[in-house]
Each structure stands twice: as C-alpha cells, then as structure tokens.
PDB file of N, CA and C in Angstrom:
ATOM      1  N   MET A   1       1.885  -3.533 -19.228  1.00  0.00           N
ATOM      2  CA  MET A   1       1.005  -3.906 -18.128  1.00  0.00           C
ATOM      3  C   MET A   1       0.222  -2.656 -17.693  1.00  0.00           C
ATOM      4  N   PRO A   2      -1.088  -2.783 -17.517  1.00  0.00           N
ATOM      5  CA  PRO A   2      -1.878  -1.609 -17.110  1.00  0.00           C
ATOM      6  C   PRO A   2      -1.407  -1.015 -15.783  1.00  0.00           C
ATOM      7  N   ALA A   3      -1.496   0.301 -15.706  1.00  0.00           N
ATOM      8  CA  ALA A   3      -0.992   1.024 -14.536  1.00  0.00           C
ATOM      9  C   ALA A   3      -1.674   0.567 -13.251  1.00  0.00           C
ATOM     10  N   LEU A   4      -2.981   0.311 -13.290  1.00  0.00           N
ATOM     11  CA  LEU A   4      -3.683  -0.082 -12.069  1.00  0.00           C
ATOM     12  C   LEU A   4      -3.132  -1.392 -11.504  1.00  0.00           C
ATOM     13  N   ILE A   5      -2.784  -2.320 -12.383  1.00  0.00           N
ATOM     14  CA  ILE A   5      -2.207  -3.593 -11.918  1.00  0.00           C
ATOM     15  C   ILE A   5      -0.853  -3.335 -11.267  1.00  0.00           C
ATOM     16  N   LEU A   6      -0.040  -2.489 -11.879  1.00  0.00           N
ATOM     17  CA  LEU A   6       1.266  -2.144 -11.292  1.00  0.00           C
ATOM     18  C   LEU A   6       1.087  -1.490  -9.922  1.00  0.00           C
ATOM     19  N   LEU A   7       0.088  -0.621  -9.805  1.00  0.00           N
ATOM     20  CA  LEU A   7      -0.150   0.059  -8.530  1.00  0.00           C
ATOM     21  C   LEU A   7      -0.633  -0.915  -7.457  1.00  0.00           C
ATOM     22  N   VAL A   8      -1.472  -1.859  -7.834  1.00  0.00           N
ATOM     23  CA  VAL A   8      -1.935  -2.871  -6.866  1.00  0.00           C
ATOM     24  C   VAL A   8      -0.772  -3.742  -6.421  1.00  0.00           C
ATOM     25  N   LEU A   9       0.052  -4.170  -7.359  1.00  0.00           N
ATOM     26  CA  LEU A   9       1.230  -4.982  -6.999  1.00  0.00           C
ATOM     27  C   LEU A   9       2.183  -4.193  -6.100  1.00  0.00           C
ATOM     28  N   GLY A  10       2.480  -2.969  -6.506  1.00  0.00           N
ATOM     29  CA  GLY A  10       3.399  -2.139  -5.722  1.00  0.00           C
ATOM     30  C   GLY A  10       2.863  -1.827  -4.346  1.00  0.00           C
ATOM     31  N   GLY A  11       1.582  -1.476  -4.257  1.00  0.00           N
ATOM     32  CA  GLY A  11       0.980  -1.188  -2.955  1.00  0.00           C
ATOM     33  C   GLY A  11       0.960  -2.409  -2.049  1.00  0.00           C
ATOM     34  N   SER A  12       0.739  -3.575  -2.641  1.00  0.00           N
ATOM     35  CA  SER A  12       0.737  -4.814  -1.863  1.00  0.00           C
ATOM     36  C   SER A  12       2.149  -5.159  -1.374  1.00  0.00           C
ATOM     37  N   ILE A  13       3.133  -4.952  -2.235  1.00  0.00           N
ATOM     38  CA  ILE A  13       4.520  -5.188  -1.826  1.00  0.00           C
ATOM     39  C   ILE A  13       4.909  -4.220  -0.711  1.00  0.00           C
ATOM     40  N   LEU A  14       4.448  -2.985  -0.821  1.00  0.00           N
ATOM     41  CA  LEU A  14       4.711  -2.001   0.236  1.00  0.00           C
ATOM     42  C   LEU A  14       4.122  -2.479   1.569  1.00  0.00           C
ATOM     43  N   THR A  15       2.963  -3.116   1.514  1.00  0.00           N
ATOM     44  CA  THR A  15       2.353  -3.661   2.726  1.00  0.00           C
ATOM     45  C   THR A  15       3.248  -4.724   3.356  1.00  0.00           C
ATOM     46  N   VAL A  16       3.866  -5.549   2.531  1.00  0.00           N
ATOM     47  CA  VAL A  16       4.810  -6.547   3.054  1.00  0.00           C
ATOM     48  C   VAL A  16       5.955  -5.832   3.768  1.00  0.00           C
ATOM     49  N   GLY A  17       6.437  -4.749   3.177  1.00  0.00           N
ATOM     50  CA  GLY A  17       7.485  -3.954   3.831  1.00  0.00           C
ATOM     51  C   GLY A  17       7.025  -3.392   5.159  1.00  0.00           C
ATOM     52  N   ASP A  18       5.773  -2.928   5.215  1.00  0.00           N
ATOM     53  CA  ASP A  18       5.226  -2.424   6.476  1.00  0.00           C
ATOM     54  C   ASP A  18       5.191  -3.509   7.546  1.00  0.00           C
ATOM     55  N   VAL A  19       4.812  -4.720   7.146  1.00  0.00           N
ATOM     56  CA  VAL A  19       4.763  -5.835   8.097  1.00  0.00           C
ATOM     57  C   VAL A  19       6.167  -6.152   8.602  1.00  0.00           C
ATOM     58  N   ILE A  20       7.138  -6.135   7.725  1.00  0.00           N
ATOM     59  CA  ILE A  20       8.531  -6.380   8.141  1.00  0.00           C
ATOM     60  C   ILE A  20       8.975  -5.305   9.129  1.00  0.00           C
ATOM     61  N   PHE A  21       8.623  -4.038   8.851  1.00  0.00           N
ATOM     62  CA  PHE A  21       8.981  -2.959   9.772  1.00  0.00           C
ATOM     63  C   PHE A  21       8.272  -3.110  11.119  1.00  0.00           C
ATOM     64  N   LYS A  22       7.056  -3.642  11.131  1.00  0.00           N
ATOM     65  CA  LYS A  22       6.368  -3.887  12.408  1.00  0.00           C
ATOM     66  C   LYS A  22       7.133  -4.944  13.213  1.00  0.00           C
ATOM     67  N   PHE A  23       7.565  -6.001  12.525  1.00  0.00           N
ATOM     68  CA  PHE A  23       8.377  -7.015  13.214  1.00  0.00           C
ATOM     69  C   PHE A  23       9.663  -6.394  13.747  1.00  0.00           C
ATOM     70  N   TYR A  24      10.273  -5.503  12.952  1.00  0.00           N
ATOM     71  CA  TYR A  24      11.483  -4.823  13.399  1.00  0.00           C
ATOM     72  C   TYR A  24      11.203  -3.980  14.646  1.00  0.00           C
ATOM     73  N   ALA A  25      10.076  -3.296  14.658  1.00  0.00           N
ATOM     74  CA  ALA A  25       9.726  -2.444  15.803  1.00  0.00           C
ATOM     75  C   ALA A  25       9.537  -3.274  17.069  1.00  0.00           C
ATOM     76  N   GLU A  26       9.019  -4.492  16.906  1.00  0.00           N
ATOM     77  CA  GLU A  26       8.795  -5.360  18.061  1.00  0.00           C
ATOM     78  C   GLU A  26      10.057  -6.088  18.489  1.00  0.00           C
ATOM     79  N   THR A  27      10.896  -6.436  17.532  1.00  0.00           N
ATOM     80  CA  THR A  27      12.148  -7.148  17.803  1.00  0.00           C
ATOM     81  C   THR A  27      13.243  -6.516  16.965  1.00  0.00           C
ATOM     82  N   PRO A  28      13.856  -5.439  17.456  1.00  0.00           N
ATOM     83  CA  PRO A  28      14.827  -4.706  16.630  1.00  0.00           C
ATOM     84  C   PRO A  28      16.033  -5.557  16.225  1.00  0.00           C
ATOM     85  N   LYS A  29      15.983  -6.048  15.016  1.00  0.00           N
ATOM     86  CA  LYS A  29      17.107  -6.778  14.444  1.00  0.00           C
ATOM     87  C   LYS A  29      17.460  -6.072  13.141  1.00  0.00           C
ATOM     88  N   SER A  30      18.710  -5.768  12.968  1.00  0.00           N
ATOM     89  CA  SER A  30      19.158  -4.973  11.818  1.00  0.00           C
ATOM     90  C   SER A  30      18.730  -5.560  10.486  1.00  0.00           C
ATOM     91  N   PHE A  31      18.757  -6.894  10.368  1.00  0.00           N
ATOM     92  CA  PHE A  31      18.428  -7.487   9.079  1.00  0.00           C
ATOM     93  C   PHE A  31      16.963  -7.232   8.713  1.00  0.00           C
ATOM     94  N   LEU A  32      16.072  -7.113   9.708  1.00  0.00           N
ATOM     95  CA  LEU A  32      14.672  -6.805   9.420  1.00  0.00           C
ATOM     96  C   LEU A  32      14.530  -5.383   8.873  1.00  0.00           C
ATOM     97  N   TYR A  33      15.312  -4.469   9.417  1.00  0.00           N
ATOM     98  CA  TYR A  33      15.286  -3.080   8.945  1.00  0.00           C
ATOM     99  C   TYR A  33      15.748  -3.004   7.489  1.00  0.00           C
ATOM    100  N   VAL A  34      16.851  -3.667   7.189  1.00  0.00           N
ATOM    101  CA  VAL A  34      17.398  -3.666   5.830  1.00  0.00           C
ATOM    102  C   VAL A  34      16.427  -4.369   4.876  1.00  0.00           C
ATOM    103  N   LEU A  35      15.872  -5.499   5.299  1.00  0.00           N
ATOM    104  CA  LEU A  35      14.915  -6.223   4.473  1.00  0.00           C
ATOM    105  C   LEU A  35      13.676  -5.367   4.194  1.00  0.00           C
ATOM    106  N   GLY A  36      13.199  -4.665   5.208  1.00  0.00           N
ATOM    107  CA  GLY A  36      12.054  -3.779   5.027  1.00  0.00           C
ATOM    108  C   GLY A  36      12.336  -2.698   4.004  1.00  0.00           C
ATOM    109  N   LEU A  37      13.522  -2.112   4.066  1.00  0.00           N
ATOM    110  CA  LEU A  37      13.901  -1.081   3.089  1.00  0.00           C
ATOM    111  C   LEU A  37      13.964  -1.643   1.670  1.00  0.00           C
ATOM    112  N   ILE A  38      14.524  -2.831   1.530  1.00  0.00           N
ATOM    113  CA  ILE A  38      14.623  -3.456   0.208  1.00  0.00           C
ATOM    114  C   ILE A  38      13.231  -3.731  -0.354  1.00  0.00           C
ATOM    115  N   VAL A  39      12.341  -4.272   0.474  1.00  0.00           N
ATOM    116  CA  VAL A  39      10.981  -4.565   0.011  1.00  0.00           C
ATOM    117  C   VAL A  39      10.255  -3.275  -0.352  1.00  0.00           C
ATOM    118  N   TYR A  40      10.427  -2.235   0.458  1.00  0.00           N
ATOM    119  CA  TYR A  40       9.831  -0.929   0.150  1.00  0.00           C
ATOM    120  C   TYR A  40      10.306  -0.431  -1.215  1.00  0.00           C
ATOM    121  N   LEU A  41      11.603  -0.532  -1.463  1.00  0.00           N
ATOM    122  CA  LEU A  41      12.138  -0.075  -2.748  1.00  0.00           C
ATOM    123  C   LEU A  41      11.544  -0.872  -3.911  1.00  0.00           C
ATOM    124  N   LEU A  42      11.358  -2.165  -3.718  1.00  0.00           N
ATOM    125  CA  LEU A  42      10.741  -2.979  -4.765  1.00  0.00           C
ATOM    126  C   LEU A  42       9.324  -2.498  -5.051  1.00  0.00           C
ATOM    127  N   GLY A  43       8.569  -2.200  -4.004  1.00  0.00           N
ATOM    128  CA  GLY A  43       7.217  -1.679  -4.188  1.00  0.00           C
ATOM    129  C   GLY A  43       7.216  -0.350  -4.910  1.00  0.00           C
ATOM    130  N   LEU A  44       8.162   0.509  -4.562  1.00  0.00           N
ATOM    131  CA  LEU A  44       8.235   1.829  -5.191  1.00  0.00           C
ATOM    132  C   LEU A  44       8.621   1.750  -6.665  1.00  0.00           C
ATOM    133  N   ILE A  45       9.336   0.702  -7.059  1.00  0.00           N
ATOM    134  CA  ILE A  45       9.684   0.523  -8.472  1.00  0.00           C
ATOM    135  C   ILE A  45       8.412   0.422  -9.313  1.00  0.00           C
ATOM    136  N   PHE A  46       7.405  -0.277  -8.789  1.00  0.00           N
ATOM    137  CA  PHE A  46       6.134  -0.388  -9.509  1.00  0.00           C
ATOM    138  C   PHE A  46       5.478   0.980  -9.646  1.00  0.00           C
ATOM    139  N   LEU A  47       5.525   1.773  -8.583  1.00  0.00           N
ATOM    140  CA  LEU A  47       4.948   3.117  -8.637  1.00  0.00           C
ATOM    141  C   LEU A  47       5.652   3.961  -9.693  1.00  0.00           C
ATOM    142  N   VAL A  48       6.961   3.926  -9.697  1.00  0.00           N
ATOM    143  CA  VAL A  48       7.733   4.735 -10.643  1.00  0.00           C
ATOM    144  C   VAL A  48       7.402   4.338 -12.088  1.00  0.00           C
ATOM    145  N   GLN A  49       7.198   3.061 -12.327  1.00  0.00           N
ATOM    146  CA  GLN A  49       6.860   2.617 -13.681  1.00  0.00           C
ATOM    147  C   GLN A  49       5.535   3.202 -14.153  1.00  0.00           C
ATOM    148  N   THR A  50       4.604   3.414 -13.232  1.00  0.00           N
ATOM    149  CA  THR A  50       3.303   3.971 -13.635  1.00  0.00           C
ATOM    150  C   THR A  50       3.403   5.438 -14.024  1.00  0.00           C
ATOM    151  N   TYR A  51       4.447   6.116 -13.578  1.00  0.00           N
ATOM    152  CA  TYR A  51       4.613   7.525 -13.931  1.00  0.00           C
ATOM    153  C   TYR A  51       4.793   7.715 -15.438  1.00  0.00           C
ATOM    154  N   LYS A  52       5.153   6.653 -16.135  1.00  0.00           N
ATOM    155  CA  LYS A  52       5.327   6.739 -17.586  1.00  0.00           C
ATOM    156  C   LYS A  52       3.995   6.949 -18.295  1.00  0.00           C
ATOM    157  N   THR A  53       2.908   6.466 -17.674  1.00  0.00           N
ATOM    158  CA  THR A  53       1.607   6.541 -18.342  1.00  0.00           C
ATOM    159  C   THR A  53       0.524   7.241 -17.526  1.00  0.00           C
ATOM    160  N   GLU A  54       0.775   7.479 -16.257  1.00  0.00           N
ATOM    161  CA  GLU A  54      -0.244   8.048 -15.371  1.00  0.00           C
ATOM    162  C   GLU A  54       0.187   9.412 -14.856  1.00  0.00           C
ATOM    163  N   ASN A  55      -0.770  10.193 -14.477  1.00  0.00           N
ATOM    164  CA  ASN A  55      -0.543  11.453 -13.780  1.00  0.00           C
ATOM    165  C   ASN A  55       0.104  11.118 -12.436  1.00  0.00           C
ATOM    166  N   ILE A  56       1.163  11.818 -12.064  1.00  0.00           N
ATOM    167  CA  ILE A  56       1.914  11.502 -10.844  1.00  0.00           C
ATOM    168  C   ILE A  56       1.028  11.590  -9.594  1.00  0.00           C
ATOM    169  N   ALA A  57       0.164  12.593  -9.532  1.00  0.00           N
ATOM    170  CA  ALA A  57      -0.687  12.756  -8.353  1.00  0.00           C
ATOM    171  C   ALA A  57      -1.692  11.620  -8.238  1.00  0.00           C
ATOM    172  N   ILE A  58      -2.299  11.240  -9.343  1.00  0.00           N
ATOM    173  CA  ILE A  58      -3.297  10.162  -9.332  1.00  0.00           C
ATOM    174  C   ILE A  58      -2.621   8.831  -9.006  1.00  0.00           C
ATOM    175  N   ALA A  59      -1.501   8.546  -9.650  1.00  0.00           N
ATOM    176  CA  ALA A  59      -0.795   7.281  -9.401  1.00  0.00           C
ATOM    177  C   ALA A  59      -0.363   7.178  -7.944  1.00  0.00           C
ATOM    178  N   SER A  60       0.190   8.247  -7.399  1.00  0.00           N
ATOM    179  CA  SER A  60       0.640   8.231  -6.003  1.00  0.00           C
ATOM    180  C   SER A  60      -0.531   8.049  -5.046  1.00  0.00           C
ATOM    181  N   ALA A  61      -1.640   8.721  -5.323  1.00  0.00           N
ATOM    182  CA  ALA A  61      -2.812   8.601  -4.462  1.00  0.00           C
ATOM    183  C   ALA A  61      -3.362   7.180  -4.475  1.00  0.00           C
ATOM    184  N   ILE A  62      -3.485   6.597  -5.649  1.00  0.00           N
ATOM    185  CA  ILE A  62      -3.984   5.221  -5.748  1.00  0.00           C
ATOM    186  C   ILE A  62      -3.036   4.262  -5.047  1.00  0.00           C
ATOM    187  N   PHE A  63      -1.748   4.455  -5.230  1.00  0.00           N
ATOM    188  CA  PHE A  63      -0.732   3.600  -4.605  1.00  0.00           C
ATOM    189  C   PHE A  63      -0.865   3.621  -3.077  1.00  0.00           C
ATOM    190  N   VAL A  64      -0.996   4.801  -2.512  1.00  0.00           N
ATOM    191  CA  VAL A  64      -1.104   4.939  -1.055  1.00  0.00           C
ATOM    192  C   VAL A  64      -2.419   4.349  -0.550  1.00  0.00           C
ATOM    193  N   ILE A  65      -3.500   4.588  -1.280  1.00  0.00           N
ATOM    194  CA  ILE A  65      -4.794   4.051  -0.865  1.00  0.00           C
ATOM    195  C   ILE A  65      -4.775   2.530  -0.877  1.00  0.00           C
ATOM    196  N   ILE A  66      -4.186   1.939  -1.906  1.00  0.00           N
ATOM    197  CA  ILE A  66      -4.082   0.473  -1.965  1.00  0.00           C
ATOM    198  C   ILE A  66      -3.271  -0.040  -0.783  1.00  0.00           C
ATOM    199  N   ASN A  67      -2.196   0.645  -0.457  1.00  0.00           N
ATOM    200  CA  ASN A  67      -1.383   0.258   0.696  1.00  0.00           C
ATOM    201  C   ASN A  67      -2.203   0.322   1.985  1.00  0.00           C
ATOM    202  N   ILE A  68      -2.978   1.372   2.151  1.00  0.00           N
ATOM    203  CA  ILE A  68      -3.791   1.522   3.359  1.00  0.00           C
ATOM    204  C   ILE A  68      -4.855   0.430   3.443  1.00  0.00           C
ATOM    205  N   VAL A  69      -5.509   0.147   2.334  1.00  0.00           N
ATOM    206  CA  VAL A  69      -6.556  -0.884   2.320  1.00  0.00           C
ATOM    207  C   VAL A  69      -5.962  -2.251   2.665  1.00  0.00           C
ATOM    208  N   THR A  70      -4.839  -2.597   2.043  1.00  0.00           N
ATOM    209  CA  THR A  70      -4.235  -3.898   2.338  1.00  0.00           C
ATOM    210  C   THR A  70      -3.709  -3.955   3.773  1.00  0.00           C
ATOM    211  N   LEU A  71      -3.213  -2.828   4.275  1.00  0.00           N
ATOM    212  CA  LEU A  71      -2.752  -2.799   5.668  1.00  0.00           C
ATOM    213  C   LEU A  71      -3.904  -3.014   6.646  1.00  0.00           C
ATOM    214  N   LEU A  72      -5.077  -2.486   6.319  1.00  0.00           N
ATOM    215  CA  LEU A  72      -6.238  -2.696   7.192  1.00  0.00           C
ATOM    216  C   LEU A  72      -6.561  -4.180   7.294  1.00  0.00           C
ATOM    217  N   PHE A  73      -6.549  -4.867   6.147  1.00  0.00           N
ATOM    218  CA  PHE A  73      -6.835  -6.303   6.161  1.00  0.00           C
ATOM    219  C   PHE A  73      -5.749  -7.090   6.894  1.00  0.00           C
ATOM    220  N   VAL A  74      -4.498  -6.752   6.644  1.00  0.00           N
ATOM    221  CA  VAL A  74      -3.390  -7.455   7.315  1.00  0.00           C
ATOM    222  C   VAL A  74      -3.444  -7.214   8.826  1.00  0.00           C
ATOM    223  N   SER A  75      -3.700  -5.971   9.221  1.00  0.00           N
ATOM    224  CA  SER A  75      -3.728  -5.684  10.659  1.00  0.00           C
ATOM    225  C   SER A  75      -4.873  -6.420  11.341  1.00  0.00           C
ATOM    226  N   LYS A  76      -6.003  -6.569  10.644  1.00  0.00           N
ATOM    227  CA  LYS A  76      -7.143  -7.270  11.247  1.00  0.00           C
ATOM    228  C   LYS A  76      -6.931  -8.780  11.267  1.00  0.00           C
ATOM    229  N   PHE A  77      -6.592  -9.345  10.118  1.00  0.00           N
ATOM    230  CA  PHE A  77      -6.576 -10.799  10.004  1.00  0.00           C
ATOM    231  C   PHE A  77      -5.249 -11.445  10.404  1.00  0.00           C
ATOM    232  N   TYR A  78      -4.160 -10.708  10.381  1.00  0.00           N
ATOM    233  CA  TYR A  78      -2.879 -11.293  10.770  1.00  0.00           C
ATOM    234  C   TYR A  78      -2.475 -10.894  12.190  1.00  0.00           C
ATOM    235  N   PHE A  79      -2.605  -9.606  12.487  1.00  0.00           N
ATOM    236  CA  PHE A  79      -2.200  -9.122  13.800  1.00  0.00           C
ATOM    237  C   PHE A  79      -3.348  -9.077  14.807  1.00  0.00           C
ATOM    238  N   GLY A  80      -4.571  -9.288  14.341  1.00  0.00           N
ATOM    239  CA  GLY A  80      -5.720  -9.300  15.235  1.00  0.00           C
ATOM    240  C   GLY A  80      -6.102  -7.930  15.775  1.00  0.00           C
ATOM    241  N   GLU A  81      -5.696  -6.871  15.079  1.00  0.00           N
ATOM    242  CA  GLU A  81      -6.028  -5.512  15.503  1.00  0.00           C
ATOM    243  C   GLU A  81      -7.390  -5.137  14.928  1.00  0.00           C
ATOM    244  N   GLN A  82      -8.279  -4.693  15.780  1.00  0.00           N
ATOM    245  CA  GLN A  82      -9.633  -4.361  15.352  1.00  0.00           C
ATOM    246  C   GLN A  82      -9.698  -2.916  14.861  1.00  0.00           C
ATOM    247  N   PRO A  83     -10.079  -2.698  13.583  1.00  0.00           N
ATOM    248  CA  PRO A  83     -10.206  -1.321  13.104  1.00  0.00           C
ATOM    249  C   PRO A  83     -11.457  -0.663  13.680  1.00  0.00           C
ATOM    250  N   SER A  84     -11.384   0.636  13.844  1.00  0.00           N
ATOM    251  CA  SER A  84     -12.553   1.368  14.333  1.00  0.00           C
ATOM    252  C   SER A  84     -13.549   1.549  13.185  1.00  0.00           C
ATOM    253  N   LEU A  85     -14.750   1.925  13.537  1.00  0.00           N
ATOM    254  CA  LEU A  85     -15.775   2.177  12.535  1.00  0.00           C
ATOM    255  C   LEU A  85     -15.312   3.275  11.572  1.00  0.00           C
ATOM    256  N   TRP A  86     -14.697   4.326  12.103  1.00  0.00           N
ATOM    257  CA  TRP A  86     -14.232   5.433  11.266  1.00  0.00           C
ATOM    258  C   TRP A  86     -13.123   4.995  10.322  1.00  0.00           C
ATOM    259  N   GLN A  87     -12.274   4.086  10.759  1.00  0.00           N
ATOM    260  CA  GLN A  87     -11.225   3.578   9.878  1.00  0.00           C
ATOM    261  C   GLN A  87     -11.832   2.793   8.720  1.00  0.00           C
ATOM    262  N   VAL A  88     -12.834   1.987   9.020  1.00  0.00           N
ATOM    263  CA  VAL A  88     -13.511   1.216   7.974  1.00  0.00           C
ATOM    264  C   VAL A  88     -14.215   2.167   7.000  1.00  0.00           C
ATOM    265  N   VAL A  89     -14.895   3.168   7.535  1.00  0.00           N
ATOM    266  CA  VAL A  89     -15.562   4.161   6.685  1.00  0.00           C
ATOM    267  C   VAL A  89     -14.531   4.864   5.807  1.00  0.00           C
ATOM    268  N   GLY A  90     -13.402   5.221   6.376  1.00  0.00           N
ATOM    269  CA  GLY A  90     -12.342   5.875   5.604  1.00  0.00           C
ATOM    270  C   GLY A  90     -11.837   5.001   4.475  1.00  0.00           C
ATOM    271  N   VAL A  91     -11.683   3.714   4.724  1.00  0.00           N
ATOM    272  CA  VAL A  91     -11.218   2.798   3.682  1.00  0.00           C
ATOM    273  C   VAL A  91     -12.270   2.670   2.583  1.00  0.00           C
ATOM    274  N   ILE A  92     -13.530   2.620   2.961  1.00  0.00           N
ATOM    275  CA  ILE A  92     -14.596   2.552   1.950  1.00  0.00           C
ATOM    276  C   ILE A  92     -14.574   3.810   1.081  1.00  0.00           C
ATOM    277  N   ILE A  93     -14.418   4.956   1.713  1.00  0.00           N
ATOM    278  CA  ILE A  93     -14.328   6.211   0.951  1.00  0.00           C
ATOM    279  C   ILE A  93     -13.102   6.193   0.041  1.00  0.00           C
ATOM    280  N   ALA A  94     -11.989   5.647   0.525  1.00  0.00           N
ATOM    281  CA  ALA A  94     -10.768   5.566  -0.290  1.00  0.00           C
ATOM    282  C   ALA A  94     -10.988   4.676  -1.511  1.00  0.00           C
ATOM    283  N   ILE A  95     -11.690   3.566  -1.329  1.00  0.00           N
ATOM    284  CA  ILE A  95     -11.973   2.667  -2.459  1.00  0.00           C
ATOM    285  C   ILE A  95     -12.857   3.380  -3.481  1.00  0.00           C
ATOM    286  N   VAL A  96     -13.854   4.109  -2.991  1.00  0.00           N
ATOM    287  CA  VAL A  96     -14.700   4.892  -3.893  1.00  0.00           C
ATOM    288  C   VAL A  96     -13.850   5.933  -4.632  1.00  0.00           C
ATOM    289  N   ALA A  97     -12.892   6.538  -3.933  1.00  0.00           N
ATOM    290  CA  ALA A  97     -12.013   7.525  -4.567  1.00  0.00           C
ATOM    291  C   ALA A  97     -11.213   6.889  -5.706  1.00  0.00           C
ATOM    292  N   ILE A  98     -10.699   5.684  -5.503  1.00  0.00           N
ATOM    293  CA  ILE A  98      -9.964   4.991  -6.562  1.00  0.00           C
ATOM    294  C   ILE A  98     -10.878   4.762  -7.759  1.00  0.00           C
ATOM    295  N   LEU A  99     -12.090   4.290  -7.485  1.00  0.00           N
ATOM    296  CA  LEU A  99     -13.026   4.046  -8.579  1.00  0.00           C
ATOM    297  C   LEU A  99     -13.325   5.333  -9.353  1.00  0.00           C
ATOM    298  N   LEU A 100     -13.521   6.432  -8.625  1.00  0.00           N
ATOM    299  CA  LEU A 100     -13.787   7.703  -9.293  1.00  0.00           C
ATOM    300  C   LEU A 100     -12.592   8.175 -10.113  1.00  0.00           C
ATOM    301  N   MET A 101     -11.381   7.986  -9.583  1.00  0.00           N
ATOM    302  CA  MET A 101     -10.193   8.390 -10.332  1.00  0.00           C
ATOM    303  C   MET A 101     -10.032   7.555 -11.602  1.00  0.00           C
ATOM    304  N   GLU A 102     -10.334   6.268 -11.505  1.00  0.00           N
ATOM    305  CA  GLU A 102     -10.198   5.401 -12.662  1.00  0.00           C
ATOM    306  C   GLU A 102     -11.301   5.663 -13.691  1.00  0.00           C
ATOM    307  N   LEU A 103     -12.495   5.970 -13.223  1.00  0.00           N
ATOM    308  CA  LEU A 103     -13.598   6.268 -14.148  1.00  0.00           C
ATOM    309  C   LEU A 103     -13.415   7.621 -14.819  1.00  0.00           C
ATOM    310  N   GLY A 104     -12.676   8.519 -14.171  1.00  0.00           N
ATOM    311  CA  GLY A 104     -12.478   9.852 -14.693  1.00  0.00           C
ATOM    312  C   GLY A 104     -11.470   9.945 -15.827  1.00  0.00           C
ATOM    313  N   LYS A 105     -10.913   8.832 -16.239  1.00  0.00           N
ATOM    314  CA  LYS A 105      -9.915   8.851 -17.323  1.00  0.00           C
ATOM    315  C   LYS A 105     -10.573   9.113 -18.656  1.00  0.00           C
TER     316      LYS A 105
END
C-alpha cells in the first residue's frame, strides 16, 4: 500500500483519538482515556509502517499535517468551533507543504 495512503489513514485515525480525548476532557471517564490511547496507537501503527519506505522526517511531517487538517474540519463541522483566518492560512500552507514533499520524491 502506498505510504501516502497509510499516512492519510493513520492521521485520520489519530483525529478520532483526538475527538475521544476531547470527550474525555469534557466528561472524565476512564474508559474514554483508555479508548483514546488505543485509537492513537492504531493510528501510529500506520505511521510506523511508512518508515519502511519513507524518510522518517517526511513521513512524520505528513502524518502530523494530515492530523491537523482533519482536526480543523472536525472542530468546525462537528464541534462548531470557528477557525481563525490564520489557522485556515496555516492549513493551506500545510497542504502545499505535503504536495511539495510528495512532488520532491
């Protein structure tokens, strides 16, 4: 499976873990904390698999950027949190960075 697909899957799974941790922060229940950790570990498994074929720095950067981009959408459309103009600009720059990293291969 291509590394970029693994990174998108892993970053998206990490976003699910972030959402679980947000629920935990609002309603501290131990099972949410444990579930969040398990989901995070599942997401990280995808990242680790990409290390077999990708540069560790590039794979980690893409993974984090994908997580940030998906978190922006989840925070806006699920939690109703409005991103600032600078946050949107930052995400656009991050997407351009991913494209440049992928084109630079």
